[in-house]
Amino acid sequence: MAVRFVNAADRQTAQSAEIPPVVNSRADVSHIDLSLPGRLRAAEVQAILRIGPTWHYKGVKTGLYPAPDYYEGKLRFWRHSTIRKFLESGGDA
């Protein structure tokens, strides 16, 4: 949806207003430290990699992203070390 400005003053006001960044993720990853041992759920991996669920699962299926380390029922988990190694290698699974 496009925003139409009536005049230049409205445009200037909108540009100077502080607009919070749009986050397209349900997971808050600001507290995650990948240098510590732990596990990540799919939503957290997607937030770290900044990708959506569809792209993530297609990437796992084709080998673009690392496969889950283990499952608990239908839930997939990745170790912190797996994602850290993936990021350090420049994204090569």
PDB file of N, CA and C in Angstrom:
ATOM      1  N   MET A   1       0.846  -1.168   0.000  1.00  0.00           N
ATOM      2  CA  MET A   1       0.000   0.000   0.000  1.00  0.00           C
ATOM      3  C   MET A   1       0.892   1.231   0.000  1.00  0.00           C
ATOM      4  N   ALA A   2       0.711   2.078  -0.956  1.00  0.00           N
ATOM      5  CA  ALA A   2       1.526   3.283  -1.079  1.00  0.00           C
ATOM      6  C   ALA A   2       0.949   4.396  -0.215  1.00  0.00           C
ATOM      7  N   VAL A   3       1.842   5.226   0.306  1.00  0.00           N
ATOM      8  CA  VAL A   3       1.435   6.372   1.115  1.00  0.00           C
ATOM      9  C   VAL A   3       1.542   7.607   0.253  1.00  0.00           C
ATOM     10  N   ARG A   4       0.461   8.361   0.211  1.00  0.00           N
ATOM     11  CA  ARG A   4       0.465   9.603  -0.566  1.00  0.00           C
ATOM     12  C   ARG A   4       0.502  10.782   0.391  1.00  0.00           C
ATOM     13  N   PHE A   5       1.402  11.711   0.128  1.00  0.00           N
ATOM     14  CA  PHE A   5       1.533  12.897   0.946  1.00  0.00           C
ATOM     15  C   PHE A   5       0.815  14.046   0.259  1.00  0.00           C
ATOM     16  N   VAL A   6       0.106  14.828   1.073  1.00  0.00           N
ATOM     17  CA  VAL A   6      -0.652  15.947   0.533  1.00  0.00           C
ATOM     18  C   VAL A   6       0.280  17.088   0.155  1.00  0.00           C
ATOM     19  N   ASN A   7       1.268  17.354   0.991  1.00  0.00           N
ATOM     20  CA  ASN A   7       2.186  18.449   0.687  1.00  0.00           C
ATOM     21  C   ASN A   7       3.591  18.120   1.207  1.00  0.00           C
ATOM     22  N   ALA A   8       4.522  18.986   0.934  1.00  0.00           N
ATOM     23  CA  ALA A   8       5.914  18.759   1.307  1.00  0.00           C
ATOM     24  C   ALA A   8       6.092  18.730   2.825  1.00  0.00           C
ATOM     25  N   ALA A   9       5.289  19.472   3.561  1.00  0.00           N
ATOM     26  CA  ALA A   9       5.409  19.485   5.021  1.00  0.00           C
ATOM     27  C   ALA A   9       5.067  18.114   5.600  1.00  0.00           C
ATOM     28  N   ASP A  10       4.040  17.487   5.062  1.00  0.00           N
ATOM     29  CA  ASP A  10       3.677  16.145   5.525  1.00  0.00           C
ATOM     30  C   ASP A  10       4.797  15.153   5.215  1.00  0.00           C
ATOM     31  N   ARG A  11       5.406  15.261   4.056  1.00  0.00           N
ATOM     32  CA  ARG A  11       6.497  14.367   3.674  1.00  0.00           C
ATOM     33  C   ARG A  11       7.683  14.540   4.626  1.00  0.00           C
ATOM     34  N   GLN A  12       8.025  15.796   4.957  1.00  0.00           N
ATOM     35  CA  GLN A  12       9.141  16.069   5.861  1.00  0.00           C
ATOM     36  C   GLN A  12       8.855  15.518   7.255  1.00  0.00           C
ATOM     37  N   THR A  13       7.640  15.665   7.731  1.00  0.00           N
ATOM     38  CA  THR A  13       7.269  15.160   9.051  1.00  0.00           C
ATOM     39  C   THR A  13       7.396  13.646   9.091  1.00  0.00           C
ATOM     40  N   ALA A  14       6.959  12.984   8.050  1.00  0.00           N
ATOM     41  CA  ALA A  14       7.021  11.527   8.000  1.00  0.00           C
ATOM     42  C   ALA A  14       8.466  11.038   7.934  1.00  0.00           C
ATOM     43  N   GLN A  15       9.320  11.757   7.221  1.00  0.00           N
ATOM     44  CA  GLN A  15      10.714  11.350   7.100  1.00  0.00           C
ATOM     45  C   GLN A  15      11.476  11.546   8.396  1.00  0.00           C
ATOM     46  N   SER A  16      11.110  12.556   9.180  1.00  0.00           N
ATOM     47  CA  SER A  16      11.821  12.827  10.417  1.00  0.00           C
ATOM     48  C   SER A  16      11.312  11.976  11.580  1.00  0.00           C
ATOM     49  N   ALA A  17      10.146  11.370  11.441  1.00  0.00           N
ATOM     50  CA  ALA A  17       9.594  10.539  12.517  1.00  0.00           C
ATOM     51  C   ALA A  17      10.410   9.265  12.660  1.00  0.00           C
ATOM     52  N   GLU A  18      10.600   8.845  13.896  1.00  0.00           N
ATOM     53  CA  GLU A  18      11.322   7.601  14.138  1.00  0.00           C
ATOM     54  C   GLU A  18      10.359   6.439  13.990  1.00  0.00           C
ATOM     55  N   ILE A  19      10.635   5.597  13.027  1.00  0.00           N
ATOM     56  CA  ILE A  19       9.797   4.437  12.763  1.00  0.00           C
ATOM     57  C   ILE A  19      10.585   3.203  13.174  1.00  0.00           C
ATOM     58  N   PRO A  20      10.029   2.384  14.055  1.00  0.00           N
ATOM     59  CA  PRO A  20      10.769   1.195  14.482  1.00  0.00           C
ATOM     60  C   PRO A  20      10.959   0.227  13.319  1.00  0.00           C
ATOM     61  N   PRO A  21      12.051  -0.539  13.325  1.00  0.00           N
ATOM     62  CA  PRO A  21      12.278  -1.485  12.240  1.00  0.00           C
ATOM     63  C   PRO A  21      11.229  -2.590  12.249  1.00  0.00           C
ATOM     64  N   VAL A  22      10.886  -3.040  11.075  1.00  0.00           N
ATOM     65  CA  VAL A  22       9.919  -4.120  10.943  1.00  0.00           C
ATOM     66  C   VAL A  22      10.661  -5.443  11.099  1.00  0.00           C
ATOM     67  N   VAL A  23      10.203  -6.249  12.020  1.00  0.00           N
ATOM     68  CA  VAL A  23      10.805  -7.549  12.247  1.00  0.00           C
ATOM     69  C   VAL A  23       9.796  -8.596  11.829  1.00  0.00           C
ATOM     70  N   ASN A  24      10.174  -9.440  10.902  1.00  0.00           N
ATOM     71  CA  ASN A  24       9.270 -10.431  10.357  1.00  0.00           C
ATOM     72  C   ASN A  24       9.427 -11.776  11.047  1.00  0.00           C
ATOM     73  N   SER A  25       9.816 -11.774  12.278  1.00  0.00           N
ATOM     74  CA  SER A  25      10.086 -13.024  12.961  1.00  0.00           C
ATOM     75  C   SER A  25       9.334 -13.075  14.274  1.00  0.00           C
ATOM     76  N   ARG A  26       8.932 -14.273  14.643  1.00  0.00           N
ATOM     77  CA  ARG A  26       8.279 -14.452  15.926  1.00  0.00           C
ATOM     78  C   ARG A  26       9.296 -14.650  17.041  1.00  0.00           C
ATOM     79  N   ALA A  27      10.532 -14.920  16.694  1.00  0.00           N
ATOM     80  CA  ALA A  27      11.557 -15.227  17.694  1.00  0.00           C
ATOM     81  C   ALA A  27      12.433 -14.006  17.942  1.00  0.00           C
ATOM     82  N   ASP A  28      12.702 -13.741  19.211  1.00  0.00           N
ATOM     83  CA  ASP A  28      13.622 -12.675  19.591  1.00  0.00           C
ATOM     84  C   ASP A  28      14.987 -13.315  19.813  1.00  0.00           C
ATOM     85  N   VAL A  29      15.945 -12.965  18.972  1.00  0.00           N
ATOM     86  CA  VAL A  29      17.265 -13.596  19.038  1.00  0.00           C
ATOM     87  C   VAL A  29      18.316 -12.685  19.658  1.00  0.00           C
ATOM     88  N   SER A  30      17.896 -11.560  20.216  1.00  0.00           N
ATOM     89  CA  SER A  30      18.872 -10.629  20.787  1.00  0.00           C
ATOM     90  C   SER A  30      19.584 -11.219  21.997  1.00  0.00           C
ATOM     91  N   HIS A  31      18.990 -12.190  22.672  1.00  0.00           N
ATOM     92  CA  HIS A  31      19.571 -12.778  23.875  1.00  0.00           C
ATOM     93  C   HIS A  31      20.386 -14.046  23.602  1.00  0.00           C
ATOM     94  N   ILE A  32      20.419 -14.512  22.358  1.00  0.00           N
ATOM     95  CA  ILE A  32      21.082 -15.775  22.043  1.00  0.00           C
ATOM     96  C   ILE A  32      22.572 -15.547  21.824  1.00  0.00           C
ATOM     97  N   ASP A  33      23.387 -16.297  22.534  1.00  0.00           N
ATOM     98  CA  ASP A  33      24.834 -16.255  22.390  1.00  0.00           C
ATOM     99  C   ASP A  33      25.280 -17.594  21.811  1.00  0.00           C
ATOM    100  N   LEU A  34      25.663 -17.596  20.547  1.00  0.00           N
ATOM    101  CA  LEU A  34      26.009 -18.840  19.863  1.00  0.00           C
ATOM    102  C   LEU A  34      27.325 -19.439  20.354  1.00  0.00           C
ATOM    103  N   SER A  35      28.085 -18.692  21.147  1.00  0.00           N
ATOM    104  CA  SER A  35      29.341 -19.252  21.657  1.00  0.00           C
ATOM    105  C   SER A  35      29.104 -20.186  22.839  1.00  0.00           C
ATOM    106  N   LEU A  36      27.908 -20.155  23.406  1.00  0.00           N
ATOM    107  CA  LEU A  36      27.567 -21.034  24.523  1.00  0.00           C
ATOM    108  C   LEU A  36      26.863 -22.278  24.007  1.00  0.00           C
ATOM    109  N   PRO A  37      26.938 -23.389  24.726  1.00  0.00           N
ATOM    110  CA  PRO A  37      26.203 -24.578  24.291  1.00  0.00           C
ATOM    111  C   PRO A  37      24.706 -24.362  24.452  1.00  0.00           C
ATOM    112  N   GLY A  38      23.961 -24.970  23.581  1.00  0.00           N
ATOM    113  CA  GLY A  38      22.509 -24.852  23.650  1.00  0.00           C
ATOM    114  C   GLY A  38      21.882 -25.353  22.375  1.00  0.00           C
ATOM    115  N   ARG A  39      20.581 -25.183  22.277  1.00  0.00           N
ATOM    116  CA  ARG A  39      19.877 -25.616  21.080  1.00  0.00           C
ATOM    117  C   ARG A  39      18.920 -24.527  20.627  1.00  0.00           C
ATOM    118  N   LEU A  40      18.617 -24.545  19.352  1.00  0.00           N
ATOM    119  CA  LEU A  40      17.744 -23.547  18.744  1.00  0.00           C
ATOM    120  C   LEU A  40      16.571 -24.234  18.066  1.00  0.00           C
ATOM    121  N   ARG A  41      15.415 -23.641  18.160  1.00  0.00           N
ATOM    122  CA  ARG A  41      14.257 -24.130  17.418  1.00  0.00           C
ATOM    123  C   ARG A  41      14.264 -23.486  16.039  1.00  0.00           C
ATOM    124  N   ALA A  42      13.402 -23.973  15.177  1.00  0.00           N
ATOM    125  CA  ALA A  42      13.382 -23.519  13.782  1.00  0.00           C
ATOM    126  C   ALA A  42      13.156 -22.011  13.674  1.00  0.00           C
ATOM    127  N   ALA A  43      12.230 -21.453  14.447  1.00  0.00           N
ATOM    128  CA  ALA A  43      11.947 -20.016  14.365  1.00  0.00           C
ATOM    129  C   ALA A  43      13.167 -19.188  14.746  1.00  0.00           C
ATOM    130  N   GLU A  44      13.946 -19.655  15.694  1.00  0.00           N
ATOM    131  CA  GLU A  44      15.150 -18.927  16.101  1.00  0.00           C
ATOM    132  C   GLU A  44      16.220 -19.001  15.023  1.00  0.00           C
ATOM    133  N   VAL A  45      16.377 -20.156  14.395  1.00  0.00           N
ATOM    134  CA  VAL A  45      17.340 -20.293  13.290  1.00  0.00           C
ATOM    135  C   VAL A  45      16.934 -19.370  12.143  1.00  0.00           C
ATOM    136  N   GLN A  46      15.653 -19.342  11.837  1.00  0.00           N
ATOM    137  CA  GLN A  46      15.163 -18.480  10.761  1.00  0.00           C
ATOM    138  C   GLN A  46      15.404 -17.011  11.078  1.00  0.00           C
ATOM    139  N   ALA A  47      15.233 -16.613  12.328  1.00  0.00           N
ATOM    140  CA  ALA A  47      15.470 -15.225  12.709  1.00  0.00           C
ATOM    141  C   ALA A  47      16.952 -14.873  12.626  1.00  0.00           C
ATOM    142  N   ILE A  48      17.825 -15.800  13.034  1.00  0.00           N
ATOM    143  CA  ILE A  48      19.270 -15.556  12.951  1.00  0.00           C
ATOM    144  C   ILE A  48      19.711 -15.428  11.505  1.00  0.00           C
ATOM    145  N   LEU A  49      19.186 -16.297  10.641  1.00  0.00           N
ATOM    146  CA  LEU A  49      19.565 -16.278   9.228  1.00  0.00           C
ATOM    147  C   LEU A  49      18.781 -15.243   8.428  1.00  0.00           C
ATOM    148  N   ARG A  50      17.761 -14.668   9.054  1.00  0.00           N
ATOM    149  CA  ARG A  50      16.893 -13.665   8.421  1.00  0.00           C
ATOM    150  C   ARG A  50      16.218 -14.212   7.170  1.00  0.00           C
ATOM    151  N   ILE A  51      15.602 -15.362   7.326  1.00  0.00           N
ATOM    152  CA  ILE A  51      14.863 -16.000   6.243  1.00  0.00           C
ATOM    153  C   ILE A  51      13.523 -16.457   6.784  1.00  0.00           C
ATOM    154  N   GLY A  52      12.608 -16.720   5.881  1.00  0.00           N
ATOM    155  CA  GLY A  52      11.290 -17.203   6.270  1.00  0.00           C
ATOM    156  C   GLY A  52      11.251 -18.714   6.366  1.00  0.00           C
ATOM    157  N   PRO A  53      10.163 -19.234   6.906  1.00  0.00           N
ATOM    158  CA  PRO A  53      10.068 -20.681   7.095  1.00  0.00           C
ATOM    159  C   PRO A  53      10.096 -21.471   5.792  1.00  0.00           C
ATOM    160  N   THR A  54       9.427 -21.007   4.767  1.00  0.00           N
ATOM    161  CA  THR A  54       9.401 -21.747   3.501  1.00  0.00           C
ATOM    162  C   THR A  54      10.793 -21.841   2.907  1.00  0.00           C
ATOM    163  N   TRP A  55      11.492 -20.713   2.851  1.00  0.00           N
ATOM    164  CA  TRP A  55      12.847 -20.702   2.294  1.00  0.00           C
ATOM    165  C   TRP A  55      13.787 -21.545   3.146  1.00  0.00           C
ATOM    166  N   HIS A  56      13.594 -21.503   4.448  1.00  0.00           N
ATOM    167  CA  HIS A  56      14.443 -22.280   5.342  1.00  0.00           C
ATOM    168  C   HIS A  56      14.278 -23.777   5.088  1.00  0.00           C
ATOM    169  N   TYR A  57      13.048 -24.272   5.049  1.00  0.00           N
ATOM    170  CA  TYR A  57      12.831 -25.704   4.867  1.00  0.00           C
ATOM    171  C   TYR A  57      13.227 -26.170   3.471  1.00  0.00           C
ATOM    172  N   LYS A  58      13.012 -25.319   2.465  1.00  0.00           N
ATOM    173  CA  LYS A  58      13.488 -25.676   1.119  1.00  0.00           C
ATOM    174  C   LYS A  58      15.009 -25.726   1.087  1.00  0.00           C
ATOM    175  N   GLY A  59      15.667 -24.795   1.783  1.00  0.00           N
ATOM    176  CA  GLY A  59      17.124 -24.777   1.852  1.00  0.00           C
ATOM    177  C   GLY A  59      17.691 -25.976   2.587  1.00  0.00           C
ATOM    178  N   VAL A  60      17.020 -26.417   3.639  1.00  0.00           N
ATOM    179  CA  VAL A  60      17.456 -27.611   4.362  1.00  0.00           C
ATOM    180  C   VAL A  60      17.314 -28.828   3.451  1.00  0.00           C
ATOM    181  N   LYS A  61      16.207 -28.888   2.731  1.00  0.00           N
ATOM    182  CA  LYS A  61      15.948 -30.034   1.844  1.00  0.00           C
ATOM    183  C   LYS A  61      16.978 -30.120   0.719  1.00  0.00           C
ATOM    184  N   THR A  62      17.408 -28.983   0.197  1.00  0.00           N
ATOM    185  CA  THR A  62      18.371 -28.974  -0.913  1.00  0.00           C
ATOM    186  C   THR A  62      19.822 -28.932  -0.452  1.00  0.00           C
ATOM    187  N   GLY A  63      20.053 -28.779   0.863  1.00  0.00           N
ATOM    188  CA  GLY A  63      21.419 -28.758   1.385  1.00  0.00           C
ATOM    189  C   GLY A  63      22.016 -27.370   1.494  1.00  0.00           C
ATOM    190  N   LEU A  64      21.234 -26.330   1.243  1.00  0.00           N
ATOM    191  CA  LEU A  64      21.725 -24.955   1.349  1.00  0.00           C
ATOM    192  C   LEU A  64      21.966 -24.570   2.812  1.00  0.00           C
ATOM    193  N   TYR A  65      21.088 -25.033   3.697  1.00  0.00           N
ATOM    194  CA  TYR A  65      21.189 -24.770   5.131  1.00  0.00           C
ATOM    195  C   TYR A  65      21.397 -26.089   5.864  1.00  0.00           C
ATOM    196  N   PRO A  66      22.002 -26.050   7.053  1.00  0.00           N
ATOM    197  CA  PRO A  66      22.253 -27.295   7.790  1.00  0.00           C
ATOM    198  C   PRO A  66      20.959 -27.978   8.226  1.00  0.00           C
ATOM    199  N   ALA A  67      20.996 -29.288   8.200  1.00  0.00           N
ATOM    200  CA  ALA A  67      19.849 -30.087   8.639  1.00  0.00           C
ATOM    201  C   ALA A  67      19.761 -30.035  10.162  1.00  0.00           C
ATOM    202  N   PRO A  68      18.584 -30.289  10.717  1.00  0.00           N
ATOM    203  CA  PRO A  68      18.454 -30.304  12.176  1.00  0.00           C
ATOM    204  C   PRO A  68      19.352 -31.365  12.795  1.00  0.00           C
ATOM    205  N   ASP A  69      19.846 -31.078  13.980  1.00  0.00           N
ATOM    206  CA  ASP A  69      20.695 -32.023  14.689  1.00  0.00           C
ATOM    207  C   ASP A  69      19.875 -33.121  15.347  1.00  0.00           C
ATOM    208  N   TYR A  70      18.678 -32.787  15.800  1.00  0.00           N
ATOM    209  CA  TYR A  70      17.824 -33.808  16.398  1.00  0.00           C
ATOM    210  C   TYR A  70      16.380 -33.328  16.421  1.00  0.00           C
ATOM    211  N   TYR A  71      15.494 -34.278  16.657  1.00  0.00           N
ATOM    212  CA  TYR A  71      14.059 -34.027  16.690  1.00  0.00           C
ATOM    213  C   TYR A  71      13.494 -34.459  18.034  1.00  0.00           C
ATOM    214  N   GLU A  72      12.452 -33.775  18.450  1.00  0.00           N
ATOM    215  CA  GLU A  72      11.633 -34.214  19.575  1.00  0.00           C
ATOM    216  C   GLU A  72      10.199 -34.179  19.072  1.00  0.00           C
ATOM    217  N   GLY A  73       9.710 -35.337  18.667  1.00  0.00           N
ATOM    218  CA  GLY A  73       8.406 -35.380  18.024  1.00  0.00           C
ATOM    219  C   GLY A  73       8.505 -34.694  16.671  1.00  0.00           C
ATOM    220  N   LYS A  74       7.677 -33.680  16.461  1.00  0.00           N
ATOM    221  CA  LYS A  74       7.716 -32.934  15.204  1.00  0.00           C
ATOM    222  C   LYS A  74       8.621 -31.704  15.267  1.00  0.00           C
ATOM    223  N   LEU A  75       9.149 -31.392  16.440  1.00  0.00           N
ATOM    224  CA  LEU A  75       9.997 -30.217  16.597  1.00  0.00           C
ATOM    225  C   LEU A  75      11.419 -30.506  16.148  1.00  0.00           C
ATOM    226  N   ARG A  76      11.990 -29.558  15.420  1.00  0.00           N
ATOM    227  CA  ARG A  76      13.371 -29.676  14.949  1.00  0.00           C
ATOM    228  C   ARG A  76      14.253 -28.765  15.787  1.00  0.00           C
ATOM    229  N   PHE A  77      15.470 -29.240  16.087  1.00  0.00           N
ATOM    230  CA  PHE A  77      16.414 -28.457  16.873  1.00  0.00           C
ATOM    231  C   PHE A  77      17.785 -28.470  16.217  1.00  0.00           C
ATOM    232  N   TRP A  78      18.483 -27.343  16.335  1.00  0.00           N
ATOM    233  CA  TRP A  78      19.857 -27.214  15.869  1.00  0.00           C
ATOM    234  C   TRP A  78      20.707 -26.838  17.066  1.00  0.00           C
ATOM    235  N   ARG A  79      21.892 -27.373  17.151  1.00  0.00           N
ATOM    236  CA  ARG A  79      22.834 -26.971  18.195  1.00  0.00           C
ATOM    237  C   ARG A  79      23.378 -25.584  17.863  1.00  0.00           C
ATOM    238  N   HIS A  80      23.707 -24.839  18.893  1.00  0.00           N
ATOM    239  CA  HIS A  80      24.342 -23.526  18.680  1.00  0.00           C
ATOM    240  C   HIS A  80      25.594 -23.687  17.829  1.00  0.00           C
ATOM    241  N   SER A  81      26.361 -24.737  18.106  1.00  0.00           N
ATOM    242  CA  SER A  81      27.624 -24.939  17.393  1.00  0.00           C
ATOM    243  C   SER A  81      27.397 -25.171  15.901  1.00  0.00           C
ATOM    244  N   THR A  82      26.312 -25.837  15.543  1.00  0.00           N
ATOM    245  CA  THR A  82      26.016 -26.094  14.129  1.00  0.00           C
ATOM    246  C   THR A  82      25.762 -24.787  13.386  1.00  0.00           C
ATOM    247  N   ILE A  83      24.955 -23.924  13.967  1.00  0.00           N
ATOM    248  CA  ILE A  83      24.628 -22.644  13.320  1.00  0.00           C
ATOM    249  C   ILE A  83      25.844 -21.730  13.327  1.00  0.00           C
ATOM    250  N   ARG A  84      26.619 -21.742  14.428  1.00  0.00           N
ATOM    251  CA  ARG A  84      27.832 -20.915  14.485  1.00  0.00           C
ATOM    252  C   ARG A  84      28.815 -21.320  13.386  1.00  0.00           C
ATOM    253  N   LYS A  85      29.038 -22.628  13.206  1.00  0.00           N
ATOM    254  CA  LYS A  85      29.940 -23.107  12.157  1.00  0.00           C
ATOM    255  C   LYS A  85      29.417 -22.732  10.775  1.00  0.00           C
ATOM    256  N   PHE A  86      28.112 -22.822  10.592  1.00  0.00           N
ATOM    257  CA  PHE A  86      27.508 -22.455   9.308  1.00  0.00           C
ATOM    258  C   PHE A  86      27.748 -20.968   9.000  1.00  0.00           C
ATOM    259  N   LEU A  87      27.557 -20.110   9.987  1.00  0.00           N
ATOM    260  CA  LEU A  87      27.766 -18.674   9.786  1.00  0.00           C
ATOM    261  C   LEU A  87      29.242 -18.336   9.587  1.00  0.00           C
ATOM    262  N   GLU A  88      30.117 -19.022  10.338  1.00  0.00           N
ATOM    263  CA  GLU A  88      31.556 -18.766  10.200  1.00  0.00           C
ATOM    264  C   GLU A  88      32.087 -19.219   8.849  1.00  0.00           C
ATOM    265  N   SER A  89      31.479 -20.251   8.268  1.00  0.00           N
ATOM    266  CA  SER A  89      31.950 -20.747   6.975  1.00  0.00           C
ATOM    267  C   SER A  89      31.420 -19.923   5.816  1.00  0.00           C
ATOM    268  N   GLY A  90      30.683 -18.873   6.130  1.00  0.00           N
ATOM    269  CA  GLY A  90      30.151 -18.013   5.078  1.00  0.00           C
ATOM    270  C   GLY A  90      28.869 -18.552   4.486  1.00  0.00           C
ATOM    271  N   GLY A  91      28.207 -19.444   5.187  1.00  0.00           N
ATOM    272  CA  GLY A  91      26.925 -19.960   4.724  1.00  0.00           C
ATOM    273  C   GLY A  91      27.036 -21.196   3.880  1.00  0.00           C
ATOM    274  N   ASP A  92      28.123 -21.951   4.008  1.00  0.00           N
ATOM    275  CA  ASP A  92      28.257 -23.197   3.266  1.00  0.00           C
ATOM    276  C   ASP A  92      27.892 -24.350   4.188  1.00  0.00           C
ATOM    277  N   ALA A  93      26.788 -25.033   3.859  1.00  0.00           N
ATOM    278  CA  ALA A  93      26.318 -26.135   4.725  1.00  0.00           C
ATOM    279  C   ALA A  93      27.212 -27.334   4.639  1.00  0.00           C
TER     280      ALA A  93
END
